[in-house]
Amino acid sequence: MNQTTIFIRSAKAALVTTLCFSALPVHAASVTVDCDAGNTITAALGVVKPGDTLLVSGTCKEQVNIPPEVVRVTLDGQKKTTIQHPGGAAASPHVLYNRGKEITIKGFTFTGGMDGIHLSGPASAVIDGNVVIKNAGRGIHIDKGSVVRILNTTVEQSGVIGIDITGASYAYIGVFIPRVPALSPNTIRNNAGPGINIERTSGAWIVGNTITNNKDSGITVHRNAQADVIANVINGNGGDAISVSYGSGVNLESEPRRDGPNQTTPGQNNAGAGIRCTIGGYVEGPLGTLAGTKGAKAFDSGCVDRVTAR
């Protein structure tokens, strides 16, 4: 009896000791990846742990795939790194394909893929201080219930759409979270379709960005989507400044933001209307100076017009 009791107590003590050690914090590490020396981000992702940072430099000619088990990892291009899709029979047509959670991606140029950055979810990421340029499809694409924060980033010369949010996903574009006053404005320009597209029950906060010279509308919100669109400069787009359709809604002011209305710079009108609404939906809030060559507003009879002049 005594031996059994001693054994049980010893086992319990060992279990408690193991649990205590497993709860201790693991120190984050920085892993250096020099692509010009033959290192790859793909190889480094195989050894990272939550909290680690990859410090990347050089020109990385690879397709980067972040698997779903990678969590809380930072990829830092240090504002001097390009990731260029290698082309050919790669595993994915996208430059960076992320299925991980709480991934921070900063300081890179992404080019040469179908999509520059593609989140497929549910995934989550902060995309901060990057240049996404000359990708054949979309600059940044978010789908399948993913969440993204896009900050201080330029998205340009995409073959289809600048930023695409779909499949019940959510994006914060220009603001980290709405209750924090500071802005982190993006530039979305010269894309072959809309600058920003939100659709299929997705949503977004779009605050303080410059959205200019896209071939289609600056912002499109359709197919039962919703967006808060505040304090952006929307100029010279080939369609409307903002287009709303198919049961979607746009708020042009929203608590707790105090950033002011959207603007179109004089002499840089959009080719369509300032705000257009078709086939259901609503727009509410101040018009600001949004303008187009076809007028400030164009609403059909199925839309709720709560746009004010202030």
Protein backbone atom coordinates (compact mmCIF):
# COMPACT_ATOMS: atom_id res chain seq x y z
CA MET A 1 0.00 0.00 0.00
CA ASN A 2 2.77 2.41 0.94
CA GLN A 3 4.70 1.70 -2.26
CA THR A 4 1.57 2.30 -4.35
CA THR A 5 0.88 5.56 -2.55
CA ILE A 6 4.46 6.75 -3.05
CA PHE A 7 4.29 5.90 -6.76
CA ILE A 8 1.04 7.83 -7.28
CA ARG A 9 2.35 10.85 -5.40
CA SER A 10 5.59 10.77 -7.39
CA ALA A 11 3.68 10.56 -10.68
CA LYS A 12 1.50 13.51 -9.68
CA ALA A 13 4.57 15.54 -8.76
CA ALA A 14 6.20 14.76 -12.09
CA LEU A 15 3.02 15.76 -13.95
CA VAL A 16 2.79 19.07 -12.07
CA THR A 17 6.47 19.76 -12.76
CA THR A 18 5.97 19.06 -16.48
CA LEU A 19 2.94 21.33 -16.67
CA CYS A 20 4.77 24.13 -14.87
CA PHE A 21 7.69 23.97 -17.27
CA SER A 22 5.41 23.83 -20.32
CA ALA A 23 3.72 27.03 -19.16
CA LEU A 24 7.00 28.96 -19.06
CA PRO A 25 7.35 31.57 -21.84
CA VAL A 26 9.36 30.58 -24.90
CA HIS A 27 11.80 33.29 -25.98
CA ALA A 28 11.18 34.56 -29.50
CA ALA A 29 14.01 34.21 -31.98
CA SER A 30 15.14 36.18 -35.02
CA VAL A 31 16.09 34.09 -38.03
CA THR A 32 18.17 35.72 -40.79
CA VAL A 33 17.28 34.83 -44.38
CA ASP A 34 19.61 36.18 -47.09
CA CYS A 35 18.07 35.25 -50.42
CA ASP A 36 21.06 36.56 -52.34
CA ALA A 37 23.20 34.00 -50.47
CA GLY A 38 20.89 31.14 -51.43
CA ASN A 39 18.67 31.08 -48.35
CA THR A 40 14.91 30.74 -48.79
CA ILE A 41 11.92 31.90 -46.79
CA THR A 42 10.30 28.51 -47.43
CA ALA A 43 13.10 26.68 -45.62
CA ALA A 44 13.05 29.12 -42.70
CA LEU A 45 9.29 28.69 -42.26
CA GLY A 46 9.94 25.01 -41.54
CA VAL A 47 11.73 25.82 -38.28
CA VAL A 48 9.98 28.93 -36.92
CA LYS A 49 8.00 28.95 -33.70
CA PRO A 50 5.26 31.32 -32.48
CA GLY A 51 6.75 34.74 -31.79
CA ASP A 52 9.71 34.35 -34.14
CA THR A 53 10.76 36.92 -36.74
CA LEU A 54 12.29 36.19 -40.13
CA LEU A 55 14.66 39.02 -41.08
CA VAL A 56 14.79 38.72 -44.87
CA SER A 57 17.05 40.48 -47.36
CA GLY A 58 17.85 40.29 -51.07
CA THR A 59 15.74 39.16 -54.03
CA CYS A 60 13.80 36.00 -53.18
CA LYS A 61 12.74 34.18 -56.35
CA GLU A 62 10.31 31.79 -54.75
CA GLN A 63 6.65 31.17 -54.04
CA VAL A 64 6.06 31.50 -50.30
CA ASN A 65 3.43 29.21 -48.76
CA ILE A 66 2.60 29.80 -45.09
CA PRO A 67 0.74 26.70 -43.80
CA PRO A 68 -2.13 26.88 -41.29
CA GLU A 69 -0.04 25.59 -38.39
CA VAL A 70 2.23 28.67 -38.52
CA VAL A 71 1.01 31.17 -35.90
CA ARG A 72 2.26 34.57 -34.67
CA VAL A 73 5.27 34.82 -36.97
CA THR A 74 6.65 38.04 -38.47
CA LEU A 75 8.17 38.23 -41.95
CA ASP A 76 10.26 41.41 -42.08
CA GLY A 77 11.71 42.47 -45.42
CA GLN A 78 13.41 45.46 -43.75
CA LYS A 79 12.26 47.68 -46.67
CA LYS A 80 14.94 46.18 -48.89
CA THR A 81 13.59 42.79 -49.99
CA THR A 82 11.72 41.69 -53.11
CA ILE A 83 9.78 38.43 -53.36
CA GLN A 84 9.39 37.61 -57.04
CA HIS A 85 7.30 34.67 -58.19
CA PRO A 86 9.60 32.28 -60.06
CA GLY A 87 6.98 31.39 -62.69
CA GLY A 88 6.75 28.02 -64.34
CA ALA A 89 5.31 24.96 -62.60
CA ALA A 90 5.28 26.40 -59.09
CA ALA A 91 3.09 25.01 -56.30
CA SER A 92 0.92 28.12 -56.39
CA PRO A 93 0.47 30.98 -58.84
CA HIS A 94 0.57 33.50 -55.99
CA VAL A 95 3.69 35.23 -54.67
CA LEU A 96 2.71 34.74 -51.01
CA TYR A 97 -0.08 32.33 -50.06
CA ASN A 98 -1.01 32.55 -46.39
CA ARG A 99 -3.18 30.16 -44.41
CA GLY A 100 -1.50 30.96 -41.09
CA LYS A 101 -2.87 32.97 -38.17
CA GLU A 102 -1.63 36.31 -36.81
CA ILE A 103 1.08 36.63 -39.44
CA THR A 104 2.79 40.02 -39.81
CA ILE A 105 4.16 40.81 -43.28
CA LYS A 106 6.15 44.04 -43.56
CA GLY A 107 8.82 45.76 -45.62
CA PHE A 108 8.60 43.70 -48.85
CA THR A 109 7.95 44.23 -52.54
CA PHE A 110 5.74 41.48 -54.02
CA THR A 111 5.68 41.04 -57.78
CA GLY A 112 5.23 38.64 -60.66
CA GLY A 113 2.45 36.34 -59.45
CA MET A 114 -1.23 35.89 -60.14
CA ASP A 115 -1.97 37.48 -56.74
CA GLY A 116 0.74 39.31 -54.87
CA ILE A 117 -0.57 38.32 -51.42
CA HIS A 118 -3.39 35.77 -51.04
CA LEU A 119 -5.03 34.92 -47.69
CA SER A 120 -7.15 31.78 -47.72
CA GLY A 121 -8.84 30.96 -44.55
CA PRO A 122 -9.73 31.33 -42.21
CA ALA A 123 -6.38 33.12 -42.07
CA SER A 124 -5.29 36.39 -40.47
CA ALA A 125 -2.48 38.85 -41.15
CA VAL A 126 -1.18 42.37 -40.76
CA ILE A 127 0.21 43.66 -44.08
CA ASP A 128 2.25 46.74 -43.20
CA GLY A 129 4.62 48.89 -45.25
CA ASN A 130 4.78 46.80 -48.42
CA VAL A 131 4.71 47.46 -52.16
CA VAL A 132 2.52 45.06 -54.17
CA ILE A 133 3.14 45.73 -57.85
CA LYS A 134 2.65 44.19 -61.30
CA ASN A 135 0.80 41.02 -60.39
CA ALA A 136 -1.37 39.51 -63.13
CA GLY A 137 -4.50 39.04 -61.01
CA ARG A 138 -5.16 40.84 -57.74
CA GLY A 139 -2.65 42.73 -55.68
CA ILE A 140 -4.07 41.47 -52.37
CA HIS A 141 -6.86 38.87 -52.19
CA ILE A 142 -8.67 37.81 -49.00
CA ASP A 143 -11.20 34.96 -48.90
CA LYS A 144 -12.86 32.18 -46.85
CA GLY A 145 -13.50 34.04 -43.62
CA SER A 146 -10.06 35.64 -43.33
CA VAL A 147 -9.23 38.87 -41.49
CA VAL A 148 -6.58 41.34 -42.66
CA ARG A 149 -5.19 44.73 -41.68
CA ILE A 150 -3.60 46.58 -44.61
CA LEU A 151 -1.48 49.53 -43.52
CA ASN A 152 1.07 51.89 -45.12
CA THR A 153 1.08 49.79 -48.30
CA THR A 154 1.05 50.63 -52.01
CA VAL A 155 -0.95 48.34 -54.31
CA GLU A 156 -0.52 49.18 -57.98
CA GLN A 157 -0.60 47.92 -61.56
CA SER A 158 -2.52 44.73 -60.79
CA GLY A 159 -4.03 42.98 -63.80
CA VAL A 160 -7.53 42.68 -62.32
CA ILE A 161 -8.23 44.27 -58.88
CA GLY A 162 -6.07 46.16 -56.40
CA ILE A 163 -7.50 44.76 -53.12
CA ASP A 164 -10.19 42.06 -53.24
CA ILE A 165 -12.20 41.04 -50.14
CA THR A 166 -14.64 38.13 -50.59
CA GLY A 167 -16.14 35.03 -48.99
CA ALA A 168 -17.31 36.44 -45.61
CA SER A 169 -13.91 38.01 -44.93
CA TYR A 170 -13.10 41.32 -43.20
CA ALA A 171 -10.50 44.00 -43.89
CA TYR A 172 -9.23 47.07 -42.06
CA ILE A 173 -7.69 49.22 -44.79
CA GLY A 174 -5.79 52.26 -43.51
CA VAL A 175 -6.67 51.79 -39.84
CA PHE A 176 -5.53 49.12 -37.39
CA ILE A 177 -8.74 49.13 -35.38
CA PRO A 178 -11.48 51.79 -35.60
CA ARG A 179 -11.14 53.03 -32.01
CA VAL A 180 -7.44 53.96 -32.45
CA PRO A 181 -7.29 57.51 -33.90
CA ALA A 182 -4.03 57.14 -35.84
CA LEU A 183 -4.24 56.44 -39.57
CA SER A 184 -1.92 54.21 -41.60
CA PRO A 185 -2.90 55.25 -45.13
CA ASN A 186 -2.46 53.07 -48.19
CA THR A 187 -2.17 54.03 -51.86
CA ILE A 188 -4.21 51.96 -54.33
CA ARG A 189 -3.59 53.12 -57.89
CA ASN A 190 -3.33 52.24 -61.56
CA ASN A 191 -4.97 48.82 -61.27
CA ALA A 192 -6.81 47.34 -64.26
CA GLY A 193 -10.14 46.97 -62.43
CA PRO A 194 -11.53 48.45 -59.21
CA GLY A 195 -9.10 49.79 -56.65
CA ILE A 196 -10.90 47.97 -53.81
CA ASN A 197 -13.62 45.35 -54.25
CA ILE A 198 -15.76 44.01 -51.35
CA GLU A 199 -18.33 41.30 -52.04
CA ARG A 200 -20.19 38.15 -50.89
CA THR A 201 -21.11 39.09 -47.29
CA SER A 202 -17.66 40.55 -46.59
CA GLY A 203 -17.02 43.84 -44.83
CA ALA A 204 -14.37 46.52 -44.45
CA TRP A 205 -13.31 49.73 -42.77
CA ILE A 206 -11.64 51.88 -45.44
CA VAL A 207 -10.20 55.02 -43.84
CA GLY A 208 -7.77 57.70 -44.99
CA ASN A 209 -6.43 56.08 -48.16
CA THR A 210 -5.62 57.45 -51.62
CA ILE A 211 -7.47 55.51 -54.33
CA THR A 212 -6.65 56.87 -57.74
CA ASN A 213 -6.45 56.19 -61.47
CA ASN A 214 -7.85 52.66 -61.36
CA LYS A 215 -9.51 51.55 -64.61
CA ASP A 216 -12.85 50.75 -62.93
CA SER A 217 -14.41 52.32 -59.85
CA GLY A 218 -12.34 53.38 -56.88
CA ILE A 219 -14.37 51.21 -54.46
CA THR A 220 -17.03 48.63 -55.34
CA VAL A 221 -19.28 47.10 -52.67
CA HIS A 222 -21.70 44.47 -53.92
CA ARG A 223 -23.39 41.09 -53.36
CA ASN A 224 -24.56 41.69 -49.78
CA ALA A 225 -21.36 43.32 -48.55
CA GLN A 226 -20.87 46.31 -46.23
CA ALA A 227 -18.21 48.97 -45.81
CA ASP A 228 -17.46 52.05 -43.71
CA VAL A 229 -15.74 54.43 -46.15
CA ILE A 230 -14.33 57.53 -44.46
CA ALA A 231 -11.79 60.29 -45.21
CA ASN A 232 -10.37 58.78 -48.39
CA VAL A 233 -9.15 60.69 -51.44
CA ILE A 234 -10.77 59.05 -54.49
CA ASN A 235 -9.61 60.60 -57.77
CA GLY A 236 -9.50 59.94 -61.49
CA ASN A 237 -10.88 56.41 -61.52
CA GLY A 238 -12.40 55.01 -64.72
CA GLY A 239 -15.75 54.25 -63.08
CA ASP A 240 -17.47 55.74 -60.05
CA ALA A 241 -15.67 56.89 -56.94
CA ILE A 242 -17.87 54.48 -54.93
CA SER A 243 -20.24 51.93 -56.46
CA VAL A 244 -22.80 50.04 -54.33
CA SER A 245 -25.08 47.29 -55.63
CA TYR A 246 -26.97 44.03 -55.02
CA GLY A 247 -28.17 44.61 -51.47
CA SER A 248 -24.98 46.13 -50.11
CA GLY A 249 -24.45 49.13 -47.85
CA VAL A 250 -21.92 51.92 -47.34
CA ASN A 251 -21.61 54.24 -44.34
CA LEU A 252 -19.76 57.48 -45.12
CA GLU A 253 -19.33 58.25 -41.43
CA SER A 254 -19.26 55.88 -38.50
CA GLU A 255 -18.44 55.88 -34.80
CA PRO A 256 -15.88 56.16 -33.33
CA ARG A 257 -14.02 57.78 -36.26
CA ARG A 258 -13.76 61.58 -36.56
CA ASP A 259 -11.72 61.82 -39.76
CA GLY A 260 -14.09 63.80 -41.95
CA PRO A 261 -15.68 63.01 -45.31
CA ASN A 262 -14.26 61.50 -48.49
CA GLN A 263 -12.84 63.82 -51.13
CA THR A 264 -12.28 64.13 -54.86
CA THR A 265 -9.58 66.65 -55.72
CA PRO A 266 -10.86 69.47 -57.98
CA GLY A 267 -10.02 68.77 -61.60
CA GLN A 268 -9.49 65.04 -60.97
CA ASN A 269 -13.08 63.78 -61.28
CA ASN A 270 -13.88 60.12 -61.57
CA ALA A 271 -15.33 59.06 -64.94
CA GLY A 272 -18.66 57.87 -63.48
CA ALA A 273 -20.56 59.31 -60.52
CA GLY A 274 -19.26 60.32 -57.14
CA ILE A 275 -21.54 57.67 -55.56
CA ARG A 276 -23.66 55.19 -57.50
CA CYS A 277 -26.20 52.75 -56.03
CA THR A 278 -28.06 50.12 -58.09
CA ILE A 279 -30.17 47.02 -57.48
CA GLY A 280 -30.87 47.50 -53.79
CA GLY A 281 -28.76 48.58 -50.87
CA TYR A 282 -28.13 51.91 -49.16
CA VAL A 283 -25.62 54.72 -48.74
CA GLU A 284 -25.68 56.91 -45.64
CA GLY A 285 -23.54 59.85 -44.51
CA PRO A 286 -21.88 63.00 -45.85
CA LEU A 287 -21.10 63.28 -49.55
CA GLY A 288 -17.96 65.32 -48.95
CA THR A 289 -16.50 66.41 -52.28
CA LEU A 290 -16.87 63.09 -54.10
CA ALA A 291 -17.44 63.86 -57.76
CA GLY A 292 -17.60 62.34 -61.19
CA THR A 293 -18.17 63.49 -64.72
CA LYS A 294 -21.70 62.01 -64.48
CA GLY A 295 -22.60 63.87 -61.32
CA ALA A 296 -22.16 63.57 -57.59
CA LYS A 297 -24.84 60.88 -57.13
CA ALA A 298 -26.68 58.30 -59.24
CA PHE A 299 -29.25 56.19 -57.36
CA ASP A 300 -31.86 53.90 -58.86
CA SER A 301 -35.30 53.46 -57.29
CA GLY A 302 -34.32 50.31 -55.40
CA CYS A 303 -31.63 52.03 -53.30
CA VAL A 304 -32.01 53.93 -50.03
CA ASP A 305 -30.44 57.38 -50.39
CA ARG A 306 -29.42 58.83 -47.05
CA VAL A 307 -26.51 60.86 -48.37
CA THR A 308 -26.24 64.32 -46.85
CA ALA A 309 -24.55 67.43 -48.20
CA ARG A 310 -22.33 68.12 -45.20
